[in-house]
C-alpha atoms as a PDB file:
ATOM      1  CA  MET A   1      -0.469  -0.001   0.340  1.00  0.00           C
ATOM      2  CA  VAL A   2       2.498   2.490   0.653  1.00  0.00           C
ATOM      3  CA  VAL A   3       5.167   1.444  -2.270  1.00  0.00           C
ATOM      4  CA  GLU A   4       1.924   2.189  -3.956  1.00  0.00           C
ATOM      5  CA  ASP A   5       1.320   5.470  -2.598  1.00  0.00           C
ATOM      6  CA  ILE A   6       4.297   6.921  -3.411  1.00  0.00           C
ATOM      7  CA  ARG A   7       4.485   5.265  -6.979  1.00  0.00           C
ATOM      8  CA  LEU A   8       0.977   7.064  -8.010  1.00  0.00           C
ATOM      9  CA  SER A   9       2.208  10.357  -6.257  1.00  0.00           C
ATOM     10  CA  SER A  10       5.600  10.427  -7.773  1.00  0.00           C
ATOM     11  CA  GLN A  11       3.748   9.349 -11.350  1.00  0.00           C
ATOM     12  CA  TRP A  12       1.855  12.601 -11.339  1.00  0.00           C
ATOM     13  CA  TYR A  13       5.185  14.609 -10.185  1.00  0.00           C
ATOM     14  CA  ASP A  14       7.208  12.790 -13.032  1.00  0.00           C
ATOM     15  CA  ASP A  15       4.570  14.246 -15.407  1.00  0.00           C
ATOM     16  CA  ILE A  16       5.232  16.968 -14.611  1.00  0.00           C
ATOM     17  CA  SER A  17       9.269  16.843 -14.630  1.00  0.00           C
ATOM     18  CA  VAL A  18      11.444  14.003 -13.555  1.00  0.00           C
ATOM     19  CA  GLU A  19      13.607  16.336 -11.275  1.00  0.00           C
ATOM     20  CA  LEU A  20       9.973  16.991  -9.414  1.00  0.00           C
ATOM     21  CA  GLY A  21       9.299  13.447  -9.264  1.00  0.00           C
ATOM     22  CA  ASN A  22      12.710  12.717  -7.797  1.00  0.00           C
ATOM     23  CA  ARG A  23      12.585  15.533  -5.045  1.00  0.00           C
ATOM     24  CA  PHE A  24       9.381  14.092  -4.549  1.00  0.00           C
ATOM     25  CA  ARG A  25      10.736  10.577  -3.728  1.00  0.00           C
ATOM     26  CA  ARG A  26      13.911  12.100  -1.282  1.00  0.00           C
ATOM     27  CA  ALA A  27      11.194  13.956   0.448  1.00  0.00           C
ATOM     28  CA  VAL A  28       9.321  11.212   1.422  1.00  0.00           C
ATOM     29  CA  ASP A  29      12.495   9.277   1.943  1.00  0.00           C
ATOM     30  CA  GLY A  30      14.130  11.971   4.695  1.00  0.00           C
ATOM     31  CA  ARG A  31      10.326  11.839   6.012  1.00  0.00           C
ATOM     32  CA  PHE A  32      10.472   7.934   6.317  1.00  0.00           C
ATOM     33  CA  ASP A  33      14.568   8.351   8.010  1.00  0.00           C
ATOM     34  CA  ALA A  34      13.073  10.965  10.511  1.00  0.00           C
ATOM     35  CA  VAL A  35      10.126   8.857  11.653  1.00  0.00           C
ATOM     36  CA  GLU A  36      12.646   6.264  11.713  1.00  0.00           C
ATOM     37  CA  LEU A  37      15.152   8.063  13.823  1.00  0.00           C
ATOM     38  CA  ARG A  38      12.677   9.647  16.197  1.00  0.00           C
ATOM     39  CA  PRO A  39       9.159   8.670  15.484  1.00  0.00           C
ATOM     40  CA  GLU A  40       7.738  10.296  19.193  1.00  0.00           C
ATOM     41  CA  LEU A  41       8.685  13.897  17.691  1.00  0.00           C
ATOM     42  CA  PHE A  42       6.054  14.546  15.637  1.00  0.00           C
ATOM     43  CA  GLY A  43       2.076  14.880  16.866  1.00  0.00           C
ATOM     44  CA  ARG A  44      -0.728  12.798  16.762  1.00  0.00           C
ATOM     45  CA  VAL A  45      -3.568  12.694  14.690  1.00  0.00           C
ATOM     46  CA  GLU A  46      -5.642   9.989  16.462  1.00  0.00           C
ATOM     47  CA  GLU A  47      -4.775   8.363  19.389  1.00  0.00           C
ATOM     48  CA  GLU A  48      -2.306   6.272  17.894  1.00  0.00           C
ATOM     49  CA  LEU A  49      -1.675   7.499  14.966  1.00  0.00           C
ATOM     50  CA  ARG A  50       1.024  10.222  13.917  1.00  0.00           C
ATOM     51  CA  ALA A  51       1.433  12.162  11.312  1.00  0.00           C
ATOM     52  CA  VAL A  52       4.916  14.007   9.502  1.00  0.00           C
ATOM     53  CA  ARG A  53       4.424  16.493   6.897  1.00  0.00           C
ATOM     54  CA  VAL A  54       6.406  15.955   3.708  1.00  0.00           C
ATOM     55  CA  GLU A  55       8.645  18.956   3.086  1.00  0.00           C
ATOM     56  CA  GLY A  56       7.810  21.220  -0.043  1.00  0.00           C
ATOM     57  CA  PHE A  57       4.809  18.964  -0.984  1.00  0.00           C
ATOM     58  CA  PRO A  58       1.033  18.763   0.099  1.00  0.00           C
ATOM     59  CA  TYR A  59       1.613  15.310   1.311  1.00  0.00           C
ATOM     60  CA  ILE A  60       1.586  13.692   5.089  1.00  0.00           C
ATOM     61  CA  VAL A  61       2.737  10.498   6.433  1.00  0.00           C
ATOM     62  CA  ILE A  62       1.248   8.935   8.593  1.00  0.00           C
ATOM     63  CA  TYR A  63       2.383   6.267  10.742  1.00  0.00           C
ATOM     64  CA  ARG A  64       1.664   4.479  14.172  1.00  0.00           C
ATOM     65  CA  ILE A  65       4.431   3.376  17.222  1.00  0.00           C
ATOM     66  CA  GLU A  66       4.217  -0.095  17.821  1.00  0.00           C
ATOM     67  CA  ARG A  67       6.222  -2.230  20.583  1.00  0.00           C
ATOM     68  CA  GLN A  68       9.030  -3.389  18.101  1.00  0.00           C
ATOM     69  CA  ALA A  69       8.906  -1.083  15.026  1.00  0.00           C
ATOM     70  CA  THR A  70       7.601   2.017  13.749  1.00  0.00           C
ATOM     71  CA  GLU A  71       4.268   1.080  11.104  1.00  0.00           C
ATOM     72  CA  ILE A  72       3.970   3.199   8.455  1.00  0.00           C
ATOM     73  CA  LEU A  73       0.384   3.162   7.022  1.00  0.00           C
ATOM     74  CA  GLY A  74       0.694   5.747   4.050  1.00  0.00           C
ATOM     75  CA  VAL A  75       1.818   9.184   2.367  1.00  0.00           C
ATOM     76  CA  PHE A  76      -1.569  10.639   1.817  1.00  0.00           C
ATOM     77  CA  HIS A  77      -2.035  13.793  -0.390  1.00  0.00           C
ATOM     78  CA  ALA A  78      -3.254  16.351   2.455  1.00  0.00           C
ATOM     79  CA  ALA A  79      -6.094  17.227   1.218  1.00  0.00           C
ATOM     80  CA  ALA A  80      -7.112  13.856   1.189  1.00  0.00           C
ATOM     81  CA  ASP A  81     -10.371  12.514   2.910  1.00  0.00           C
ATOM     82  CA  PRO A  82      -9.437  11.259   6.685  1.00  0.00           C
ATOM     83  CA  GLN A  83     -11.119   8.285   5.670  1.00  0.00           C
ATOM     84  CA  LYS A  84      -8.944   7.273   3.304  1.00  0.00           C
ATOM     85  CA  TRP A  85      -5.947   6.837   6.181  1.00  0.00           C
ATOM     86  CA  ARG A  86      -7.882   5.775   8.979  1.00  0.00           C
ATOM     87  CA  SER A  87      -9.383   2.495   7.175  1.00  0.00           C
ATOM     88  CA  ARG A  88      -5.969   1.961   6.869  1.00  0.00           C
ATOM     89  CA  ALA A  89      -5.362   1.772  10.961  1.00  0.00           C
ATOM     90  CA  ARG A  90      -8.312  -0.825  11.577  1.00  0.00           C
END
C-alpha cells in the first residue's frame, strides 16, 4: 500500500518533471528516516496515529508506533479524505 501511494504520487510529479518526481521521492525518504530515528517527535492525529508533513509537498506520512517497530500506514495528499488513512489503521 505505501509503495503504491508513493508510486502514484511520484508518477504525477514525474509527468510534470522527472526532477520534481525525484525531489518528491527524496522528501518522502527523508521523512521516513526522521520517523525511524525519532517517531515520538511528530504529532498525533488520532489516538495511536501520528503524522509528519513531507517538506515542500502537500503530503503527509501517517504512522503509528508499535512495541517493536514503527509502522508506516501511508503517504497521503494533505487534502485527502481522512477516512482513507483511518481505514488503514483498522
